[in-house]
Every structure is written in C-alpha cells, then in structure tokens.
Amino acid sequence: MAEEDSVSKSFLRRHWEGYKEFWGERFSFLDNYSRFIKRDKPLPSWSDADVEEFIASEPVHGPALKTAREAAKFGAVGGLLGAVSTAGVTWKYSRSLHGTALSLGAGAVFGWTFGQEVANHWLQLYRMDTMTSQVKFMEWWQNKVEGQS
C-alpha cells in the first residue's frame, strides 16, 4: 500500500511539474515585472507628472511608453462602448437583469480587446517593444523613489 502511494505521488507530482512548466513558459513575460511586484515594501504610486517626466527624460523608451498609454485609452473606450452596447441590446430584447449584467461584463472584455487591436494597428504598436518601455519606467521609478539617479 505504501509503495502504491509513493508511485501515485510521483505520478501526480510529475504531471503537476509538467503543468507548471507548460504554463510557466506561456506566461514567462510576467517574470519581467516580478521584481517590482514581489517586493517586501511595495513601490509607491506614481502620478501623471512622474510619467511625463520619464517620457521627457528617456529618448528611446519615453515615446513608446507615451504611445502605450494612448493605446490604453483606445481599450478603455472600446470597453465602454462594448459594455454599453451589448448590455443595451440584451436589456431591450430580454429584460433579464442577470443576462444584462453578464453581457455588460462580456461586452466590456470584448470591447477592450477590440479597442486594443485597433490601437495596435492605428498607433503601430507592433513595431515597438512597449513591455520593455514599461519595465524601464518601473526601473526608473524604483531608482527615483530609492534616491538613486
């Protein structure tokens, strides 16, 4: 019986490790942010003025960060339009409160995604490395907060 438990544990452990490795590879981009997120003392919030200061001081990553911030506005507008339009159609035809709430949430997600795709093409984000710009901003903010220049 003890031998069967050890065999089944190793079987489950092997599959769990494979599962973690599989998804770890697909979400490896999160490792870029882990040093800023998993801190003992979290970084304080920054203001729009801080972001504008970074954009003005960084000739390479500043414009990319500015464009990424503009793209977020496209996503927000898309999310708002998607949420309101799908919830409105659902309420008009079904008068179901829970259906309207679900379509509001789904419409927001779909609209945000569509807005981000529009921004990706309109602002040509596919030509930029916006993730690196965001990480550079986080490094700059961390150095500024900690008193390093």
C-alpha atoms as a PDB file:
ATOM      1  CA  MET A   1       0.000   0.000   0.000  1.00  0.00           C
ATOM      2  CA  ALA A   2       2.808   2.419   0.871  1.00  0.00           C
ATOM      3  CA  GLU A   3       4.507   1.575  -2.400  1.00  0.00           C
ATOM      4  CA  GLU A   4       1.334   2.463  -4.355  1.00  0.00           C
ATOM      5  CA  ASP A   5       1.107   5.827  -2.542  1.00  0.00           C
ATOM      6  CA  SER A   6       4.696   6.686  -3.434  1.00  0.00           C
ATOM      7  CA  VAL A   7       4.108   5.685  -7.070  1.00  0.00           C
ATOM      8  CA  SER A   8       0.894   7.729  -7.295  1.00  0.00           C
ATOM      9  CA  LYS A   9       2.535  10.738  -5.643  1.00  0.00           C
ATOM     10  CA  SER A  10       5.380  10.650  -8.102  1.00  0.00           C
ATOM     11  CA  PHE A  11       2.864  10.253 -10.952  1.00  0.00           C
ATOM     12  CA  LEU A  12       0.846  13.252  -9.736  1.00  0.00           C
ATOM     13  CA  ARG A  13       3.969  15.228  -8.947  1.00  0.00           C
ATOM     14  CA  ARG A  14       5.363  14.595 -12.438  1.00  0.00           C
ATOM     15  CA  HIS A  15       2.162  15.784 -14.049  1.00  0.00           C
ATOM     16  CA  TRP A  16       1.927  18.813 -11.770  1.00  0.00           C
ATOM     17  CA  GLU A  17       5.518  19.803 -12.595  1.00  0.00           C
ATOM     18  CA  GLY A  18       4.774  19.381 -16.299  1.00  0.00           C
ATOM     19  CA  TYR A  19       1.654  21.504 -15.923  1.00  0.00           C
ATOM     20  CA  LYS A  20       3.586  24.269 -14.125  1.00  0.00           C
ATOM     21  CA  GLU A  21       6.367  24.183 -16.719  1.00  0.00           C
ATOM     22  CA  PHE A  22       3.866  24.343 -19.600  1.00  0.00           C
ATOM     23  CA  TRP A  23       2.050  27.413 -18.252  1.00  0.00           C
ATOM     24  CA  GLY A  24       5.266  28.966 -16.938  1.00  0.00           C
ATOM     25  CA  GLU A  25       6.602  29.092 -20.494  1.00  0.00           C
ATOM     26  CA  ARG A  26       3.434  30.723 -21.784  1.00  0.00           C
ATOM     27  CA  PHE A  27       3.378  33.376 -19.071  1.00  0.00           C
ATOM     28  CA  SER A  28       7.137  33.950 -18.877  1.00  0.00           C
ATOM     29  CA  PHE A  29       6.612  37.636 -19.682  1.00  0.00           C
ATOM     30  CA  LEU A  30       5.339  38.073 -16.117  1.00  0.00           C
ATOM     31  CA  ASP A  31       8.910  37.458 -14.908  1.00  0.00           C
ATOM     32  CA  ASN A  32       9.766  40.937 -16.219  1.00  0.00           C
ATOM     33  CA  TYR A  33       7.516  42.502 -13.590  1.00  0.00           C
ATOM     34  CA  SER A  34       8.108  40.110 -10.695  1.00  0.00           C
ATOM     35  CA  ARG A  35      10.970  42.118  -9.201  1.00  0.00           C
ATOM     36  CA  PHE A  36       8.649  45.121  -8.907  1.00  0.00           C
ATOM     37  CA  ILE A  37       5.595  43.215  -7.709  1.00  0.00           C
ATOM     38  CA  LYS A  38       7.161  40.768  -5.256  1.00  0.00           C
ATOM     39  CA  ARG A  39       8.909  43.313  -3.067  1.00  0.00           C
ATOM     40  CA  ASP A  40       8.973  43.443   0.710  1.00  0.00           C
ATOM     41  CA  LYS A  41       7.932  47.096   0.583  1.00  0.00           C
ATOM     42  CA  PRO A  42       5.780  47.945  -2.454  1.00  0.00           C
ATOM     43  CA  LEU A  43       6.653  50.863  -4.683  1.00  0.00           C
ATOM     44  CA  PRO A  44       4.508  53.932  -4.062  1.00  0.00           C
ATOM     45  CA  SER A  45       2.020  55.059  -6.686  1.00  0.00           C
ATOM     46  CA  TRP A  46       3.227  57.436  -9.348  1.00  0.00           C
ATOM     47  CA  SER A  47       1.431  60.404 -10.834  1.00  0.00           C
ATOM     48  CA  ASP A  48       0.924  61.524 -14.408  1.00  0.00           C
ATOM     49  CA  ALA A  49       3.623  64.128 -13.824  1.00  0.00           C
ATOM     50  CA  ASP A  50       6.099  61.370 -12.958  1.00  0.00           C
ATOM     51  CA  VAL A  51       5.255  59.517 -16.157  1.00  0.00           C
ATOM     52  CA  GLU A  52       5.589  62.708 -18.193  1.00  0.00           C
ATOM     53  CA  GLU A  53       8.976  63.344 -16.564  1.00  0.00           C
ATOM     54  CA  PHE A  54      10.132  59.866 -17.627  1.00  0.00           C
ATOM     55  CA  ILE A  55       8.807  60.379 -21.153  1.00  0.00           C
ATOM     56  CA  ALA A  56      10.690  63.667 -21.429  1.00  0.00           C
ATOM     57  CA  SER A  57      13.925  62.293 -19.966  1.00  0.00           C
ATOM     58  CA  GLU A  58      14.090  58.981 -21.848  1.00  0.00           C
ATOM     59  CA  PRO A  59      14.622  59.445 -25.611  1.00  0.00           C
ATOM     60  CA  VAL A  60      14.239  55.755 -26.531  1.00  0.00           C
ATOM     61  CA  HIS A  61      11.613  54.324 -24.210  1.00  0.00           C
ATOM     62  CA  GLY A  62       9.717  57.536 -23.458  1.00  0.00           C
ATOM     63  CA  PRO A  63       7.874  57.783 -26.787  1.00  0.00           C
ATOM     64  CA  ALA A  64       6.998  54.078 -26.681  1.00  0.00           C
ATOM     65  CA  LEU A  65       5.559  54.459 -23.177  1.00  0.00           C
ATOM     66  CA  LYS A  66       3.580  57.503 -24.284  1.00  0.00           C
ATOM     67  CA  THR A  67       2.144  55.530 -27.195  1.00  0.00           C
ATOM     68  CA  ALA A  68       1.298  52.608 -24.906  1.00  0.00           C
ATOM     69  CA  ARG A  69      -0.591  54.996 -22.609  1.00  0.00           C
ATOM     70  CA  GLU A  70      -2.531  56.309 -25.608  1.00  0.00           C
ATOM     71  CA  ALA A  71      -3.366  52.707 -26.564  1.00  0.00           C
ATOM     72  CA  ALA A  72      -4.868  52.138 -23.129  1.00  0.00           C
ATOM     73  CA  LYS A  73      -7.343  54.940 -23.893  1.00  0.00           C
ATOM     74  CA  PHE A  74      -8.414  53.076 -27.040  1.00  0.00           C
ATOM     75  CA  GLY A  75      -9.001  49.988 -24.914  1.00  0.00           C
ATOM     76  CA  ALA A  76     -10.995  51.893 -22.309  1.00  0.00           C
ATOM     77  CA  VAL A  77     -13.235  53.489 -24.939  1.00  0.00           C
ATOM     78  CA  GLY A  78     -13.696  50.122 -26.650  1.00  0.00           C
ATOM     79  CA  GLY A  79     -14.568  48.508 -23.332  1.00  0.00           C
ATOM     80  CA  LEU A  80     -17.109  51.194 -22.525  1.00  0.00           C
ATOM     81  CA  LEU A  81     -18.732  51.011 -25.961  1.00  0.00           C
ATOM     82  CA  GLY A  82     -18.784  47.215 -25.908  1.00  0.00           C
ATOM     83  CA  ALA A  83     -20.278  47.055 -22.429  1.00  0.00           C
ATOM     84  CA  VAL A  84     -22.991  49.620 -23.032  1.00  0.00           C
ATOM     85  CA  SER A  85     -23.984  48.344 -26.468  1.00  0.00           C
ATOM     86  CA  THR A  86     -24.211  44.662 -25.555  1.00  0.00           C
ATOM     87  CA  ALA A  87     -25.991  45.364 -22.269  1.00  0.00           C
ATOM     88  CA  GLY A  88     -28.410  47.686 -24.047  1.00  0.00           C
ATOM     89  CA  VAL A  89     -29.291  45.104 -26.683  1.00  0.00           C
ATOM     90  CA  THR A  90     -29.666  42.410 -24.044  1.00  0.00           C
ATOM     91  CA  TRP A  91     -31.925  44.562 -21.892  1.00  0.00           C
ATOM     92  CA  LYS A  92     -34.014  45.620 -24.903  1.00  0.00           C
ATOM     93  CA  TYR A  93     -34.732  42.080 -26.033  1.00  0.00           C
ATOM     94  CA  SER A  94     -34.702  40.013 -22.850  1.00  0.00           C
ATOM     95  CA  ARG A  95     -35.385  42.294 -19.871  1.00  0.00           C
ATOM     96  CA  SER A  96     -33.276  39.862 -17.884  1.00  0.00           C
ATOM     97  CA  LEU A  97     -31.237  41.526 -15.161  1.00  0.00           C
ATOM     98  CA  HIS A  98     -28.678  38.729 -14.803  1.00  0.00           C
ATOM     99  CA  GLY A  99     -28.357  38.382 -18.592  1.00  0.00           C
ATOM    100  CA  THR A 100     -27.812  42.113 -18.906  1.00  0.00           C
ATOM    101  CA  ALA A 101     -25.142  42.017 -16.195  1.00  0.00           C
ATOM    102  CA  LEU A 102     -23.360  39.134 -17.906  1.00  0.00           C
ATOM    103  CA  SER A 103     -23.500  40.839 -21.294  1.00  0.00           C
ATOM    104  CA  LEU A 104     -22.214  44.048 -19.709  1.00  0.00           C
ATOM    105  CA  GLY A 105     -19.133  42.201 -18.436  1.00  0.00           C
ATOM    106  CA  ALA A 106     -18.577  40.221 -21.622  1.00  0.00           C
ATOM    107  CA  GLY A 107     -19.109  43.292 -23.786  1.00  0.00           C
ATOM    108  CA  ALA A 108     -16.543  45.205 -21.735  1.00  0.00           C
ATOM    109  CA  VAL A 109     -13.961  42.448 -22.194  1.00  0.00           C
ATOM    110  CA  PHE A 110     -14.647  42.048 -25.910  1.00  0.00           C
ATOM    111  CA  GLY A 111     -14.735  45.807 -26.454  1.00  0.00           C
ATOM    112  CA  TRP A 112     -11.462  46.295 -24.574  1.00  0.00           C
ATOM    113  CA  THR A 113      -9.837  43.605 -26.701  1.00  0.00           C
ATOM    114  CA  PHE A 114     -11.166  45.115 -29.912  1.00  0.00           C
ATOM    115  CA  GLY A 115     -10.039  48.591 -28.800  1.00  0.00           C
ATOM    116  CA  GLN A 116      -6.536  47.283 -28.087  1.00  0.00           C
ATOM    117  CA  GLU A 117      -6.409  45.694 -31.547  1.00  0.00           C
ATOM    118  CA  VAL A 118      -7.486  48.972 -33.150  1.00  0.00           C
ATOM    119  CA  ALA A 119      -4.790  50.783 -31.155  1.00  0.00           C
ATOM    120  CA  ASN A 120      -2.224  48.162 -32.140  1.00  0.00           C
ATOM    121  CA  HIS A 121      -2.776  48.957 -35.815  1.00  0.00           C
ATOM    122  CA  TRP A 122      -3.644  52.654 -35.570  1.00  0.00           C
ATOM    123  CA  LEU A 123      -0.620  53.502 -33.400  1.00  0.00           C
ATOM    124  CA  GLN A 124       1.566  50.760 -34.933  1.00  0.00           C
ATOM    125  CA  LEU A 125       2.380  49.204 -31.572  1.00  0.00           C
ATOM    126  CA  TYR A 126       3.568  46.051 -33.309  1.00  0.00           C
ATOM    127  CA  ARG A 127       6.695  47.994 -34.282  1.00  0.00           C
ATOM    128  CA  MET A 128       7.527  48.887 -30.667  1.00  0.00           C
ATOM    129  CA  ASP A 129       8.567  46.964 -27.600  1.00  0.00           C
ATOM    130  CA  THR A 130       6.132  48.514 -25.155  1.00  0.00           C
ATOM    131  CA  MET A 131       6.830  45.931 -22.451  1.00  0.00           C
ATOM    132  CA  THR A 132      10.479  46.948 -22.306  1.00  0.00           C
ATOM    133  CA  SER A 133       9.420  50.586 -22.062  1.00  0.00           C
ATOM    134  CA  GLN A 134       7.128  49.770 -19.154  1.00  0.00           C
ATOM    135  CA  VAL A 135       9.885  47.828 -17.397  1.00  0.00           C
ATOM    136  CA  LYS A 136      12.333  50.712 -17.968  1.00  0.00           C
ATOM    137  CA  PHE A 137       9.796  53.082 -16.442  1.00  0.00           C
ATOM    138  CA  MET A 138       9.423  50.803 -13.419  1.00  0.00           C
ATOM    139  CA  GLU A 139      13.236  50.685 -13.030  1.00  0.00           C
ATOM    140  CA  TRP A 140      13.399  54.471 -13.331  1.00  0.00           C
ATOM    141  CA  TRP A 141      10.616  54.893 -10.766  1.00  0.00           C
ATOM    142  CA  GLN A 142      12.267  52.446  -8.371  1.00  0.00           C
ATOM    143  CA  ASN A 143      15.584  54.316  -8.641  1.00  0.00           C
ATOM    144  CA  LYS A 144      13.870  57.677  -8.176  1.00  0.00           C
ATOM    145  CA  VAL A 145      11.950  56.514  -5.113  1.00  0.00           C
ATOM    146  CA  GLU A 146      15.003  54.908  -3.554  1.00  0.00           C
ATOM    147  CA  GLY A 147      17.074  58.042  -4.150  1.00  0.00           C
ATOM    148  CA  GLN A 148      19.331  56.647  -6.849  1.00  0.00           C
ATOM    149  CA  SER A 149      19.706  58.654 -10.032  1.00  0.00           C
END
